[in-house]
């Protein structure tokens, strides 16, 4: 069995100001940003049934009240790396979640959206139609009588 190669993150953590809506949400309501990304990753991009007030958001808020809001984004970053085969390690996950959580949340959201949209696009893509299948005529040999 061949090992799967890890690849680079498609979105940089330093490009967290775009889109501006995600940036503002990550700075002012990080629990919603975390909950939305968690839902997208957990349900393979299917956002039906998503509510901005969900268990993930509430858990993030509860940990934030204890000063531990970095824990869930750190774990989620590791989950995203594993699911999409991205480079990184637990130490980097912890640093990103602790040092600039809003930028980390924006990167996680953009990365998960990119990979889930890519999977949907690849699944829905059909091979081109090259015409009808044709069978080649098989040679007919006369049957010999066996006496």
Protein backbone atom coordinates (compact mmCIF):
# COMPACT_ATOMS: atom_id res chain seq x y z
CA UNK A 1 0.00 0.00 0.00
CA UNK A 2 1.45 3.35 -1.04
CA UNK A 3 1.73 6.14 1.51
CA UNK A 4 -0.28 9.26 0.80
CA UNK A 5 1.89 12.32 0.37
CA UNK A 6 1.00 15.37 2.40
CA UNK A 7 0.58 18.57 0.45
CA UNK A 8 0.83 22.24 1.21
CA UNK A 9 -2.13 24.23 2.52
CA UNK A 10 -3.93 25.89 -0.38
CA UNK A 11 -4.61 29.05 1.67
CA UNK A 12 -2.00 30.88 3.69
CA UNK A 13 -2.64 31.75 7.32
CA UNK A 14 -1.40 35.26 6.66
CA UNK A 15 -4.14 35.95 4.09
CA UNK A 16 -6.78 36.08 6.79
CA UNK A 17 -8.24 39.47 5.77
CA UNK A 18 -10.03 38.07 2.76
CA UNK A 19 -12.85 37.53 2.44
CA UNK A 20 -13.57 40.39 4.80
CA UNK A 21 -16.79 38.79 6.09
CA UNK A 22 -14.93 35.71 7.32
CA UNK A 23 -12.24 37.92 8.83
CA UNK A 24 -14.76 40.01 10.76
CA UNK A 25 -16.63 36.93 11.93
CA UNK A 26 -13.42 35.28 13.16
CA UNK A 27 -12.45 38.41 15.12
CA UNK A 28 -15.83 39.31 16.60
CA UNK A 29 -17.69 35.97 16.79
CA UNK A 30 -15.04 33.25 16.60
CA UNK A 31 -17.42 30.66 18.03
CA UNK A 32 -19.62 30.94 14.91
CA UNK A 33 -16.62 30.72 12.60
CA UNK A 34 -15.36 27.64 14.44
CA UNK A 35 -18.81 26.00 14.47
CA UNK A 36 -19.37 26.59 10.75
CA UNK A 37 -16.03 25.06 9.80
CA UNK A 38 -16.57 22.16 12.19
CA UNK A 39 -19.95 21.42 10.56
CA UNK A 40 -18.46 21.62 7.04
CA UNK A 41 -15.61 19.23 7.89
CA UNK A 42 -17.79 16.79 9.84
CA UNK A 43 -20.49 16.53 7.17
CA UNK A 44 -18.21 16.56 4.09
CA UNK A 45 -19.22 20.03 2.95
CA UNK A 46 -22.97 19.49 3.37
CA UNK A 47 -24.18 22.65 5.12
CA UNK A 48 -27.84 21.64 5.30
CA UNK A 49 -28.95 21.53 8.90
CA UNK A 50 -26.29 24.04 9.95
CA UNK A 51 -27.24 26.59 12.58
CA UNK A 52 -24.88 29.28 13.81
CA UNK A 53 -25.86 28.37 17.38
CA UNK A 54 -24.73 24.75 17.56
CA UNK A 55 -22.93 22.49 20.01
CA UNK A 56 -19.52 23.32 18.59
CA UNK A 57 -20.15 27.02 18.99
CA UNK A 58 -21.37 26.53 22.57
CA UNK A 59 -18.35 24.37 23.44
CA UNK A 60 -16.00 26.98 22.01
CA UNK A 61 -17.72 29.70 24.04
CA UNK A 62 -17.61 27.65 27.25
CA UNK A 63 -13.88 27.01 26.84
CA UNK A 64 -13.39 30.69 26.02
CA UNK A 65 -14.92 31.63 29.39
CA UNK A 66 -12.18 29.52 31.00
CA UNK A 67 -9.46 31.07 28.83
CA UNK A 68 -9.04 27.85 26.86
CA UNK A 69 -10.63 28.80 23.54
CA UNK A 70 -7.54 27.68 21.63
CA UNK A 71 -8.15 23.97 22.36
CA UNK A 72 -10.96 23.25 19.89
CA UNK A 73 -9.39 25.13 16.93
CA UNK A 74 -6.10 23.34 17.64
CA UNK A 75 -7.82 19.94 17.54
CA UNK A 76 -9.82 20.91 14.46
CA UNK A 77 -6.67 22.03 12.65
CA UNK A 78 -5.21 18.56 13.23
CA UNK A 79 -8.42 16.97 11.95
CA UNK A 80 -8.32 19.14 8.81
CA UNK A 81 -4.67 18.22 8.21
CA UNK A 82 -5.49 14.52 8.53
CA UNK A 83 -8.63 14.63 6.40
CA UNK A 84 -7.12 16.58 3.50
CA UNK A 85 -3.54 15.22 3.86
CA UNK A 86 -1.92 18.59 4.59
CA UNK A 87 1.54 19.38 5.95
CA UNK A 88 2.01 20.31 9.57
CA UNK A 89 2.17 18.86 13.06
CA UNK A 90 0.65 19.24 16.50
CA UNK A 91 3.16 21.87 17.58
CA UNK A 92 2.30 24.10 14.62
CA UNK A 93 -1.41 23.52 15.27
CA UNK A 94 -0.98 24.71 18.85
CA UNK A 95 1.05 27.77 17.81
CA UNK A 96 -1.49 28.80 15.18
CA UNK A 97 -4.43 28.37 17.57
CA UNK A 98 -2.72 30.23 20.42
CA UNK A 99 -0.85 33.04 18.65
CA UNK A 100 -3.41 34.27 16.13
CA UNK A 101 -6.66 32.43 16.53
CA UNK A 102 -8.75 34.60 14.15
CA UNK A 103 -6.26 34.09 11.30
CA UNK A 104 -6.18 30.37 12.06
CA UNK A 105 -9.99 30.15 12.01
CA UNK A 106 -10.16 31.95 8.66
CA UNK A 107 -7.50 29.67 7.18
CA UNK A 108 -9.33 26.58 8.43
CA UNK A 109 -12.61 27.79 6.97
CA UNK A 110 -11.13 28.64 3.58
CA UNK A 111 -9.13 25.40 3.41
CA UNK A 112 -12.08 23.17 4.32
CA UNK A 113 -14.36 24.97 1.87
CA UNK A 114 -11.76 24.66 -0.90
CA UNK A 115 -11.26 20.92 -0.39
CA UNK A 116 -14.95 20.10 -0.01
CA UNK A 117 -15.81 22.13 -3.13
CA UNK A 118 -12.99 20.37 -4.98
CA UNK A 119 -14.36 16.93 -3.99
CA UNK A 120 -17.86 17.93 -5.12
CA UNK A 121 -16.53 19.23 -8.44
CA UNK A 122 -14.55 16.05 -9.09
CA UNK A 123 -17.46 13.76 -8.21
CA UNK A 124 -19.92 15.65 -10.41
CA UNK A 125 -17.53 15.76 -13.37
CA UNK A 126 -18.44 13.17 -15.98
CA UNK A 127 -16.06 11.76 -18.56
CA UNK A 128 -16.63 13.06 -22.09
CA UNK A 129 -18.89 11.09 -24.39
CA UNK A 130 -16.84 9.73 -27.29
CA UNK A 131 -19.66 8.10 -29.21
CA UNK A 132 -21.49 4.84 -28.97
CA UNK A 133 -19.75 1.63 -28.06
CA UNK A 134 -19.09 -0.51 -31.11
CA UNK A 135 -18.41 -4.20 -31.20
CA UNK A 136 -16.01 -5.69 -33.66
CA UNK A 137 -17.43 -8.51 -35.76
CA UNK A 138 -15.93 -11.84 -34.71
CA UNK A 139 -14.82 -14.18 -37.49
CA UNK A 140 -17.18 -17.07 -38.10
CA UNK A 141 -15.61 -20.48 -38.58
CA UNK A 142 -17.59 -23.34 -40.11
CA UNK A 143 -18.29 -26.09 -37.65
CA UNK A 144 -16.66 -29.37 -38.45
CA UNK A 145 -18.64 -32.52 -38.14
CA UNK A 146 -17.21 -35.03 -35.71
CA UNK A 147 -17.84 -38.66 -36.73
